[in-house]
C-alpha atoms as a PDB file:
ATOM      1  CA  UNK A   1      -0.074  -0.048  -0.028  1.00  0.00           C
ATOM      2  CA  UNK A   2       2.795   2.312   0.885  1.00  0.00           C
ATOM      3  CA  UNK A   3       4.561   1.453  -2.344  1.00  0.00           C
ATOM      4  CA  UNK A   4       1.476   2.266  -4.338  1.00  0.00           C
ATOM      5  CA  UNK A   5       1.143   5.587  -2.569  1.00  0.00           C
ATOM      6  CA  UNK A   6       4.791   6.573  -3.067  1.00  0.00           C
ATOM      7  CA  UNK A   7       4.353   5.740  -6.706  1.00  0.00           C
ATOM      8  CA  UNK A   8       1.183   7.907  -6.918  1.00  0.00           C
ATOM      9  CA  UNK A   9       2.858  10.709  -5.262  1.00  0.00           C
ATOM     10  CA  UNK A  10       5.877  10.445  -7.621  1.00  0.00           C
ATOM     11  CA  UNK A  11       3.668  10.464 -10.707  1.00  0.00           C
ATOM     12  CA  UNK A  12       1.846  13.441  -9.326  1.00  0.00           C
ATOM     13  CA  UNK A  13       5.091  15.397  -8.813  1.00  0.00           C
ATOM     14  CA  UNK A  14       6.348  14.530 -12.429  1.00  0.00           C
ATOM     15  CA  UNK A  15       3.108  15.479 -13.846  1.00  0.00           C
ATOM     16  CA  UNK A  16       3.100  18.833 -12.078  1.00  0.00           C
ATOM     17  CA  UNK A  17       6.594  19.374 -13.146  1.00  0.00           C
ATOM     18  CA  UNK A  18       5.629  18.697 -16.852  1.00  0.00           C
ATOM     19  CA  UNK A  19       2.748  21.016 -16.405  1.00  0.00           C
ATOM     20  CA  UNK A  20       4.982  23.816 -15.047  1.00  0.00           C
ATOM     21  CA  UNK A  21       7.471  23.236 -17.783  1.00  0.00           C
ATOM     22  CA  UNK A  22       4.756  23.338 -20.372  1.00  0.00           C
ATOM     23  CA  UNK A  23       3.263  26.457 -18.882  1.00  0.00           C
ATOM     24  CA  UNK A  24       6.692  28.247 -18.884  1.00  0.00           C
ATOM     25  CA  UNK A  25       7.037  27.271 -22.640  1.00  0.00           C
ATOM     26  CA  UNK A  26       3.601  28.647 -23.328  1.00  0.00           C
ATOM     27  CA  UNK A  27       4.400  32.010 -21.535  1.00  0.00           C
ATOM     28  CA  UNK A  28       7.652  32.323 -23.445  1.00  0.00           C
ATOM     29  CA  UNK A  29       5.926  31.705 -26.721  1.00  0.00           C
ATOM     30  CA  UNK A  30       3.173  34.150 -25.957  1.00  0.00           C
ATOM     31  CA  UNK A  31       5.676  36.775 -24.975  1.00  0.00           C
ATOM     32  CA  UNK A  32       7.691  36.140 -28.088  1.00  0.00           C
ATOM     33  CA  UNK A  33       4.673  36.596 -30.357  1.00  0.00           C
ATOM     34  CA  UNK A  34       3.306  39.579 -28.500  1.00  0.00           C
ATOM     35  CA  UNK A  35       3.955  43.198 -29.843  1.00  0.00           C
ATOM     36  CA  UNK A  36       6.102  44.680 -27.118  1.00  0.00           C
ATOM     37  CA  UNK A  37       6.659  48.379 -26.864  1.00  0.00           C
ATOM     38  CA  UNK A  38       9.093  50.198 -24.452  1.00  0.00           C
ATOM     39  CA  UNK A  39       7.266  53.121 -22.793  1.00  0.00           C
ATOM     40  CA  UNK A  40       8.111  55.888 -20.305  1.00  0.00           C
ATOM     41  CA  UNK A  41       6.244  57.545 -17.387  1.00  0.00           C
ATOM     42  CA  UNK A  42       5.387  60.465 -19.547  1.00  0.00           C
ATOM     43  CA  UNK A  43       2.383  61.971 -21.044  1.00  0.00           C
ATOM     44  CA  UNK A  44       3.239  61.164 -24.666  1.00  0.00           C
ATOM     45  CA  UNK A  45       2.642  57.435 -23.771  1.00  0.00           C
ATOM     46  CA  UNK A  46      -0.924  57.986 -22.575  1.00  0.00           C
ATOM     47  CA  UNK A  47      -2.765  56.661 -25.671  1.00  0.00           C
ATOM     48  CA  UNK A  48      -0.830  53.446 -25.092  1.00  0.00           C
ATOM     49  CA  UNK A  49      -1.788  53.234 -21.408  1.00  0.00           C
ATOM     50  CA  UNK A  50      -5.410  54.089 -22.269  1.00  0.00           C
ATOM     51  CA  UNK A  51      -5.591  51.459 -24.987  1.00  0.00           C
ATOM     52  CA  UNK A  52      -4.365  48.928 -22.637  1.00  0.00           C
ATOM     53  CA  UNK A  53      -6.511  49.939 -19.646  1.00  0.00           C
ATOM     54  CA  UNK A  54      -9.647  50.082 -21.786  1.00  0.00           C
ATOM     55  CA  UNK A  55      -8.789  46.740 -23.363  1.00  0.00           C
ATOM     56  CA  UNK A  56      -8.899  48.373 -26.846  1.00  0.00           C
ATOM     57  CA  UNK A  57      -6.004  46.159 -27.968  1.00  0.00           C
ATOM     58  CA  UNK A  58      -7.787  42.983 -26.605  1.00  0.00           C
ATOM     59  CA  UNK A  59     -11.003  43.842 -28.295  1.00  0.00           C
ATOM     60  CA  UNK A  60      -9.035  43.998 -31.592  1.00  0.00           C
ATOM     61  CA  UNK A  61      -7.365  40.635 -30.624  1.00  0.00           C
ATOM     62  CA  UNK A  62      -3.889  41.955 -30.801  1.00  0.00           C
ATOM     63  CA  UNK A  63      -1.463  41.074 -27.952  1.00  0.00           C
ATOM     64  CA  UNK A  64       0.285  44.376 -27.082  1.00  0.00           C
ATOM     65  CA  UNK A  65       2.562  44.450 -24.001  1.00  0.00           C
ATOM     66  CA  UNK A  66       3.983  47.684 -22.624  1.00  0.00           C
ATOM     67  CA  UNK A  67       7.503  47.499 -21.052  1.00  0.00           C
ATOM     68  CA  UNK A  68       7.975  50.401 -18.680  1.00  0.00           C
ATOM     69  CA  UNK A  69      11.206  52.132 -18.153  1.00  0.00           C
ATOM     70  CA  UNK A  70      12.108  55.342 -16.343  1.00  0.00           C
ATOM     71  CA  UNK A  71      15.120  56.183 -18.534  1.00  0.00           C
ATOM     72  CA  UNK A  72      15.270  56.437 -22.136  1.00  0.00           C
ATOM     73  CA  UNK A  73      18.691  54.904 -22.489  1.00  0.00           C
ATOM     74  CA  UNK A  74      17.016  51.645 -21.097  1.00  0.00           C
ATOM     75  CA  UNK A  75      14.341  51.835 -23.794  1.00  0.00           C
ATOM     76  CA  UNK A  76      17.228  52.031 -26.381  1.00  0.00           C
ATOM     77  CA  UNK A  77      18.844  49.002 -24.891  1.00  0.00           C
ATOM     78  CA  UNK A  78      15.676  47.093 -25.097  1.00  0.00           C
ATOM     79  CA  UNK A  79      14.957  47.839 -28.759  1.00  0.00           C
ATOM     80  CA  UNK A  80      18.604  47.302 -29.800  1.00  0.00           C
ATOM     81  CA  UNK A  81      18.595  43.990 -27.941  1.00  0.00           C
ATOM     82  CA  UNK A  82      15.395  42.871 -29.422  1.00  0.00           C
ATOM     83  CA  UNK A  83      13.447  42.471 -26.293  1.00  0.00           C
ATOM     84  CA  UNK A  84      10.843  44.911 -27.715  1.00  0.00           C
ATOM     85  CA  UNK A  85       9.635  45.632 -31.258  1.00  0.00           C
ATOM     86  CA  UNK A  86       8.723  49.297 -30.665  1.00  0.00           C
ATOM     87  CA  UNK A  87       9.821  52.278 -28.601  1.00  0.00           C
ATOM     88  CA  UNK A  88       8.179  55.516 -27.710  1.00  0.00           C
ATOM     89  CA  UNK A  89      11.115  57.985 -28.140  1.00  0.00           C
ATOM     90  CA  UNK A  90      12.460  61.189 -29.737  1.00  0.00           C
ATOM     91  CA  UNK A  91      13.996  61.832 -33.198  1.00  0.00           C
ATOM     92  CA  UNK A  92      17.383  62.580 -31.878  1.00  0.00           C
ATOM     93  CA  UNK A  93      17.635  59.214 -30.163  1.00  0.00           C
ATOM     94  CA  UNK A  94      16.193  57.201 -32.997  1.00  0.00           C
ATOM     95  CA  UNK A  95      18.340  58.859 -35.546  1.00  0.00           C
ATOM     96  CA  UNK A  96      21.338  58.189 -33.352  1.00  0.00           C
ATOM     97  CA  UNK A  97      20.233  54.576 -33.260  1.00  0.00           C
ATOM     98  CA  UNK A  98      19.887  54.560 -37.020  1.00  0.00           C
ATOM     99  CA  UNK A  99      23.288  56.099 -37.457  1.00  0.00           C
ATOM    100  CA  UNK A 100      24.810  53.316 -35.268  1.00  0.00           C
ATOM    101  CA  UNK A 101      23.373  50.740 -37.624  1.00  0.00           C
ATOM    102  CA  UNK A 102      20.072  49.902 -36.156  1.00  0.00           C
ATOM    103  CA  UNK A 103      17.195  50.113 -38.742  1.00  0.00           C
ATOM    104  CA  UNK A 104      14.059  51.696 -37.509  1.00  0.00           C
ATOM    105  CA  UNK A 105      10.752  52.660 -39.141  1.00  0.00           C
ATOM    106  CA  UNK A 106       8.629  55.544 -37.805  1.00  0.00           C
ATOM    107  CA  UNK A 107       4.991  54.679 -37.105  1.00  0.00           C
ATOM    108  CA  UNK A 108       3.852  58.163 -35.902  1.00  0.00           C
ATOM    109  CA  UNK A 109       4.932  61.330 -34.216  1.00  0.00           C
ATOM    110  CA  UNK A 110       3.807  62.076 -30.582  1.00  0.00           C
ATOM    111  CA  UNK A 111       2.869  65.016 -28.447  1.00  0.00           C
ATOM    112  CA  UNK A 112       6.124  64.817 -26.522  1.00  0.00           C
ATOM    113  CA  UNK A 113       7.212  68.240 -25.249  1.00  0.00           C
ATOM    114  CA  UNK A 114       9.874  69.462 -22.933  1.00  0.00           C
ATOM    115  CA  UNK A 115      10.230  72.525 -20.744  1.00  0.00           C
ATOM    116  CA  UNK A 116      13.465  73.986 -19.446  1.00  0.00           C
ATOM    117  CA  UNK A 117      12.930  74.768 -15.718  1.00  0.00           C
ATOM    118  CA  UNK A 118      15.239  76.604 -13.447  1.00  0.00           C
ATOM    119  CA  UNK A 119      15.457  76.004  -9.779  1.00  0.00           C
ATOM    120  CA  UNK A 120      13.610  78.649  -7.884  1.00  0.00           C
ATOM    121  CA  UNK A 121      16.508  79.039  -5.627  1.00  0.00           C
ATOM    122  CA  UNK A 122      19.059  79.743  -8.366  1.00  0.00           C
ATOM    123  CA  UNK A 123      17.115  82.917  -9.419  1.00  0.00           C
ATOM    124  CA  UNK A 124      17.598  82.212 -13.088  1.00  0.00           C
ATOM    125  CA  UNK A 125      15.175  83.897 -15.320  1.00  0.00           C
ATOM    126  CA  UNK A 126      16.819  84.180 -18.578  1.00  0.00           C
ATOM    127  CA  UNK A 127      18.852  81.808 -20.801  1.00  0.00           C
ATOM    128  CA  UNK A 128      21.899  84.099 -20.686  1.00  0.00           C
ATOM    129  CA  UNK A 129      22.021  83.613 -16.821  1.00  0.00           C
ATOM    130  CA  UNK A 130      23.018  79.918 -17.358  1.00  0.00           C
ATOM    131  CA  UNK A 131      26.679  80.497 -17.251  1.00  0.00           C
ATOM    132  CA  UNK A 132      28.513  78.296 -14.792  1.00  0.00           C
ATOM    133  CA  UNK A 133      25.258  76.471 -14.078  1.00  0.00           C
ATOM    134  CA  UNK A 134      24.281  72.884 -14.557  1.00  0.00           C
ATOM    135  CA  UNK A 135      21.484  71.765 -16.858  1.00  0.00           C
ATOM    136  CA  UNK A 136      20.278  68.109 -16.357  1.00  0.00           C
ATOM    137  CA  UNK A 137      19.524  66.347 -19.658  1.00  0.00           C
ATOM    138  CA  UNK A 138      20.265  63.129 -21.424  1.00  0.00           C
ATOM    139  CA  UNK A 139      23.073  62.745 -23.871  1.00  0.00           C
ATOM    140  CA  UNK A 140      22.173  61.922 -27.567  1.00  0.00           C
ATOM    141  CA  UNK A 141      18.487  62.886 -26.919  1.00  0.00           C
ATOM    142  CA  UNK A 142      16.051  65.682 -27.631  1.00  0.00           C
ATOM    143  CA  UNK A 143      17.118  67.362 -24.466  1.00  0.00           C
ATOM    144  CA  UNK A 144      20.783  67.327 -25.625  1.00  0.00           C
ATOM    145  CA  UNK A 145      19.708  68.921 -28.753  1.00  0.00           C
ATOM    146  CA  UNK A 146      17.390  71.377 -27.142  1.00  0.00           C
ATOM    147  CA  UNK A 147      20.111  72.526 -24.862  1.00  0.00           C
ATOM    148  CA  UNK A 148      22.299  73.439 -27.736  1.00  0.00           C
ATOM    149  CA  UNK A 149      19.497  74.953 -29.629  1.00  0.00           C
ATOM    150  CA  UNK A 150      18.491  77.144 -26.479  1.00  0.00           C
ATOM    151  CA  UNK A 151      22.145  78.371 -26.194  1.00  0.00           C
ATOM    152  CA  UNK A 152      22.584  79.023 -29.939  1.00  0.00           C
ATOM    153  CA  UNK A 153      23.634  82.713 -30.201  1.00  0.00           C
ATOM    154  CA  UNK A 154      23.332  83.301 -26.552  1.00  0.00           C
ATOM    155  CA  UNK A 155      26.227  84.887 -24.688  1.00  0.00           C
ATOM    156  CA  UNK A 156      26.761  83.675 -21.135  1.00  0.00           C
ATOM    157  CA  UNK A 157      29.501  84.824 -18.739  1.00  0.00           C
ATOM    158  CA  UNK A 158      30.851  81.212 -18.324  1.00  0.00           C
ATOM    159  CA  UNK A 159      30.517  77.746 -19.704  1.00  0.00           C
ATOM    160  CA  UNK A 160      27.135  76.001 -19.304  1.00  0.00           C
ATOM    161  CA  UNK A 161      27.492  72.556 -17.931  1.00  0.00           C
ATOM    162  CA  UNK A 162      25.326  69.661 -19.422  1.00  0.00           C
ATOM    163  CA  UNK A 163      24.833  67.089 -16.771  1.00  0.00           C
ATOM    164  CA  UNK A 164      23.585  63.663 -17.896  1.00  0.00           C
ATOM    165  CA  UNK A 165      20.698  62.446 -15.613  1.00  0.00           C
ATOM    166  CA  UNK A 166      18.886  59.764 -17.684  1.00  0.00           C
ATOM    167  CA  UNK A 167      16.075  58.718 -15.182  1.00  0.00           C
ATOM    168  CA  UNK A 168      13.342  61.170 -15.562  1.00  0.00           C
ATOM    169  CA  UNK A 169      12.054  60.661 -12.031  1.00  0.00           C
ATOM    170  CA  UNK A 170      15.426  61.106 -10.494  1.00  0.00           C
ATOM    171  CA  UNK A 171      15.965  64.282 -12.570  1.00  0.00           C
ATOM    172  CA  UNK A 172      12.748  65.737 -11.302  1.00  0.00           C
ATOM    173  CA  UNK A 173      13.610  64.758  -7.727  1.00  0.00           C
ATOM    174  CA  UNK A 174      16.924  66.512  -7.927  1.00  0.00           C
ATOM    175  CA  UNK A 175      15.230  69.732  -8.899  1.00  0.00           C
ATOM    176  CA  UNK A 176      12.693  69.314  -6.079  1.00  0.00           C
ATOM    177  CA  UNK A 177      15.620  68.688  -3.667  1.00  0.00           C
ATOM    178  CA  UNK A 178      17.513  71.773  -5.036  1.00  0.00           C
ATOM    179  CA  UNK A 179      20.357  69.606  -6.320  1.00  0.00           C
ATOM    180  CA  UNK A 180      20.397  70.991  -9.924  1.00  0.00           C
ATOM    181  CA  UNK A 181      20.237  74.546 -11.389  1.00  0.00           C
ATOM    182  CA  UNK A 182      18.072  73.759 -14.414  1.00  0.00           C
ATOM    183  CA  UNK A 183      16.706  70.815 -16.341  1.00  0.00           C
ATOM    184  CA  UNK A 184      14.554  69.681 -19.205  1.00  0.00           C
ATOM    185  CA  UNK A 185      11.297  67.982 -18.146  1.00  0.00           C
ATOM    186  CA  UNK A 186       8.448  66.469 -20.114  1.00  0.00           C
ATOM    187  CA  UNK A 187       4.824  66.250 -18.810  1.00  0.00           C
ATOM    188  CA  UNK A 188       3.634  65.502 -16.236  1.00  0.00           C
ATOM    189  CA  UNK A 189       6.941  65.958 -14.448  1.00  0.00           C
ATOM    190  CA  UNK A 190       7.236  69.641 -15.736  1.00  0.00           C
ATOM    191  CA  UNK A 191       3.878  70.496 -14.089  1.00  0.00           C
ATOM    192  CA  UNK A 192       4.852  68.939 -10.867  1.00  0.00           C
ATOM    193  CA  UNK A 193       7.949  71.232 -10.975  1.00  0.00           C
ATOM    194  CA  UNK A 194       5.851  74.270 -11.804  1.00  0.00           C
ATOM    195  CA  UNK A 195       3.634  73.584  -8.851  1.00  0.00           C
ATOM    196  CA  UNK A 196       6.621  73.866  -6.562  1.00  0.00           C
ATOM    197  CA  UNK A 197       7.217  77.190  -8.076  1.00  0.00           C
ATOM    198  CA  UNK A 198      10.344  76.353 -10.380  1.00  0.00           C
ATOM    199  CA  UNK A 199      10.409  78.743 -13.272  1.00  0.00           C
ATOM    200  CA  UNK A 200      10.004  77.879 -16.896  1.00  0.00           C
ATOM    201  CA  UNK A 201      12.763  79.404 -19.067  1.00  0.00           C
ATOM    202  CA  UNK A 202      11.793  77.860 -22.330  1.00  0.00           C
ATOM    203  CA  UNK A 203       9.428  75.378 -23.972  1.00  0.00           C
ATOM    204  CA  UNK A 204      10.350  73.159 -26.905  1.00  0.00           C
ATOM    205  CA  UNK A 205       6.994  73.713 -28.766  1.00  0.00           C
ATOM    206  CA  UNK A 206       7.654  77.480 -28.650  1.00  0.00           C
ATOM    207  CA  UNK A 207      11.049  76.784 -30.335  1.00  0.00           C
ATOM    208  CA  UNK A 208       9.088  74.917 -33.225  1.00  0.00           C
ATOM    209  CA  UNK A 209      10.586  71.630 -32.154  1.00  0.00           C
ATOM    210  CA  UNK A 210       8.433  68.516 -32.366  1.00  0.00           C
ATOM    211  CA  UNK A 211      10.590  65.427 -31.805  1.00  0.00           C
ATOM    212  CA  UNK A 212       8.410  62.741 -30.216  1.00  0.00           C
ATOM    213  CA  UNK A 213       7.964  59.552 -32.119  1.00  0.00           C
ATOM    214  CA  UNK A 214       7.019  55.918 -31.911  1.00  0.00           C
ATOM    215  CA  UNK A 215       9.445  53.705 -33.949  1.00  0.00           C
ATOM    216  CA  UNK A 216       9.687  49.998 -34.634  1.00  0.00           C
ATOM    217  CA  UNK A 217      12.659  47.734 -35.440  1.00  0.00           C
ATOM    218  CA  UNK A 218      12.529  47.192 -39.235  1.00  0.00           C
ATOM    219  CA  UNK A 219      13.702  43.597 -39.013  1.00  0.00           C
ATOM    220  CA  UNK A 220      11.148  42.701 -36.417  1.00  0.00           C
ATOM    221  CA  UNK A 221       8.135  43.981 -38.379  1.00  0.00           C
ATOM    222  CA  UNK A 222       8.784  42.211 -41.694  1.00  0.00           C
ATOM    223  CA  UNK A 223       6.591  39.114 -41.157  1.00  0.00           C
ATOM    224  CA  UNK A 224       3.022  38.994 -41.989  1.00  0.00           C
ATOM    225  CA  UNK A 225       2.149  38.306 -38.338  1.00  0.00           C
ATOM    226  CA  UNK A 226       3.836  41.571 -37.153  1.00  0.00           C
ATOM    227  CA  UNK A 227       2.269  43.655 -40.041  1.00  0.00           C
ATOM    228  CA  UNK A 228      -1.203  42.369 -39.058  1.00  0.00           C
ATOM    229  CA  UNK A 229      -0.420  43.293 -35.484  1.00  0.00           C
ATOM    230  CA  UNK A 230       0.724  46.739 -36.418  1.00  0.00           C
ATOM    231  CA  UNK A 231      -2.426  47.392 -38.445  1.00  0.00           C
ATOM    232  CA  UNK A 232      -4.506  46.518 -35.345  1.00  0.00           C
ATOM    233  CA  UNK A 233      -2.199  48.460 -33.086  1.00  0.00           C
ATOM    234  CA  UNK A 234      -2.845  51.660 -35.089  1.00  0.00           C
ATOM    235  CA  UNK A 235      -6.710  51.113 -34.691  1.00  0.00           C
ATOM    236  CA  UNK A 236      -6.387  50.656 -31.023  1.00  0.00           C
ATOM    237  CA  UNK A 237      -4.079  53.647 -30.751  1.00  0.00           C
ATOM    238  CA  UNK A 238      -6.389  55.885 -32.736  1.00  0.00           C
ATOM    239  CA  UNK A 239      -9.363  54.845 -30.642  1.00  0.00           C
ATOM    240  CA  UNK A 240      -7.476  55.637 -27.507  1.00  0.00           C
ATOM    241  CA  UNK A 241      -6.646  59.094 -28.920  1.00  0.00           C
ATOM    242  CA  UNK A 242     -10.290  59.642 -29.615  1.00  0.00           C
ATOM    243  CA  UNK A 243     -11.277  58.841 -26.083  1.00  0.00           C
ATOM    244  CA  UNK A 244      -8.599  61.031 -24.507  1.00  0.00           C
ATOM    245  CA  UNK A 245      -9.519  64.056 -26.711  1.00  0.00           C
ATOM    246  CA  UNK A 246     -13.323  63.315 -25.970  1.00  0.00           C
ATOM    247  CA  UNK A 247     -13.073  62.947 -22.239  1.00  0.00           C
ATOM    248  CA  UNK A 248      -9.917  65.063 -21.387  1.00  0.00           C
ATOM    249  CA  UNK A 249      -6.972  64.334 -19.325  1.00  0.00           C
ATOM    250  CA  UNK A 250      -8.619  64.673 -15.895  1.00  0.00           C
ATOM    251  CA  UNK A 251     -11.020  61.890 -16.933  1.00  0.00           C
ATOM    252  CA  UNK A 252      -7.865  59.601 -16.910  1.00  0.00           C
ATOM    253  CA  UNK A 253      -6.524  60.979 -13.718  1.00  0.00           C
ATOM    254  CA  UNK A 254      -6.139  57.709 -11.873  1.00  0.00           C
ATOM    255  CA  UNK A 255      -4.370  56.049 -14.893  1.00  0.00           C
ATOM    256  CA  UNK A 256      -1.861  59.008 -15.177  1.00  0.00           C
ATOM    257  CA  UNK A 257      -1.102  58.676 -11.449  1.00  0.00           C
ATOM    258  CA  UNK A 258      -0.642  55.054 -11.858  1.00  0.00           C
ATOM    259  CA  UNK A 259       1.474  54.847 -14.834  1.00  0.00           C
ATOM    260  CA  UNK A 260       3.361  58.202 -14.488  1.00  0.00           C
ATOM    261  CA  UNK A 261       3.921  57.993 -10.732  1.00  0.00           C
ATOM    262  CA  UNK A 262       2.621  61.403 -10.220  1.00  0.00           C
ATOM    263  CA  UNK A 263       0.020  63.007  -7.839  1.00  0.00           C
ATOM    264  CA  UNK A 264      -3.739  63.895  -8.496  1.00  0.00           C
ATOM    265  CA  UNK A 265      -2.782  67.556  -7.907  1.00  0.00           C
ATOM    266  CA  UNK A 266      -0.410  67.431 -10.717  1.00  0.00           C
ATOM    267  CA  UNK A 267      -2.940  65.942 -13.165  1.00  0.00           C
ATOM    268  CA  UNK A 268      -5.565  68.615 -12.286  1.00  0.00           C
ATOM    269  CA  UNK A 269      -2.945  71.205 -13.293  1.00  0.00           C
ATOM    270  CA  UNK A 270      -1.869  69.765 -16.578  1.00  0.00           C
ATOM    271  CA  UNK A 271      -2.184  71.965 -19.589  1.00  0.00           C
ATOM    272  CA  UNK A 272      -4.836  71.195 -22.151  1.00  0.00           C
ATOM    273  CA  UNK A 273      -3.153  68.723 -24.672  1.00  0.00           C
ATOM    274  CA  UNK A 274      -4.660  67.717 -27.914  1.00  0.00           C
ATOM    275  CA  UNK A 275      -3.457  64.190 -28.797  1.00  0.00           C
ATOM    276  CA  UNK A 276      -3.091  63.142 -32.481  1.00  0.00           C
ATOM    277  CA  UNK A 277      -3.922  60.083 -34.259  1.00  0.00           C
ATOM    278  CA  UNK A 278      -1.299  57.960 -36.153  1.00  0.00           C
ATOM    279  CA  UNK A 279       0.679  60.698 -38.159  1.00  0.00           C
ATOM    280  CA  UNK A 280       4.067  60.393 -39.697  1.00  0.00           C
ATOM    281  CA  UNK A 281       6.635  62.845 -38.323  1.00  0.00           C
ATOM    282  CA  UNK A 282       7.477  65.650 -40.783  1.00  0.00           C
ATOM    283  CA  UNK A 283      10.322  64.935 -42.989  1.00  0.00           C
ATOM    284  CA  UNK A 284      11.727  68.398 -42.126  1.00  0.00           C
ATOM    285  CA  UNK A 285      11.865  67.333 -38.431  1.00  0.00           C
ATOM    286  CA  UNK A 286      13.421  64.040 -39.218  1.00  0.00           C
ATOM    287  CA  UNK A 287      16.065  65.778 -41.502  1.00  0.00           C
ATOM    288  CA  UNK A 288      16.939  68.350 -38.813  1.00  0.00           C
ATOM    289  CA  UNK A 289      17.492  65.496 -36.335  1.00  0.00           C
ATOM    290  CA  UNK A 290      19.589  63.668 -38.831  1.00  0.00           C
ATOM    291  CA  UNK A 291      21.766  66.666 -39.379  1.00  0.00           C
ATOM    292  CA  UNK A 292      22.328  67.125 -35.639  1.00  0.00           C
ATOM    293  CA  UNK A 293      23.160  63.462 -35.065  1.00  0.00           C
ATOM    294  CA  UNK A 294      25.647  63.553 -38.040  1.00  0.00           C
ATOM    295  CA  UNK A 295      27.817  65.932 -36.129  1.00  0.00           C
ATOM    296  CA  UNK A 296      27.899  63.955 -32.978  1.00  0.00           C
END
């Protein structure tokens, strides 16, 4: 009797182990077949968060998985390494990746904007007062380009120091803790800084710079399966944009708080942002980024 019981237990263990292995294989296969996109805790990613939360992708029967990062360099690593097919980024970063031999295709531009904020304690009110000051940004990115653009033709009394702080949350915290003189922040982080009385020196949109994009690895999207996914992804994305523009940002307050790691008070103070459906970035903007990257 004891022998039978031991055999029964042994078979049960083996069966469970086989099931666990089969389950792992299934999960690995599902992840490999899913359309994976690297995202940031920033407002330009909101249509993706909304589409996921409202199950718009599920309704269209397309398996989209968002891979969150807090530093754009980590997004770059993910798309270069092939752990994601797509990335929410900016034209400077994507053109730099292309220059380095990584073929990318642009799906759409986004509403990504940055604001250059100065620490309220630094008493900086003009760009020409940035001499001998530190600006937090990310190398080979839109913020790197915008710093050069902002300082173009401006005379300062000393060198301006570009300090690389890649994590957007750490960057914001350094401003709130008075550890940095100035920095570029996207939304909703920029609104958080403004609520703490830090001053806006410059805005990327007022410079006429529109750099936000979603890009996909060319080699990853060549199969029929991926192309079908992309078509459905576009529909889900556009439906999410319609919902955001119809209901407004405050309607998605809980979602923004959750995915962007911000406060409800920040969401209530966000500027009115009009999101756009899938739209190719202007060639003039792409070429401008390409020319800048060529000199790096």
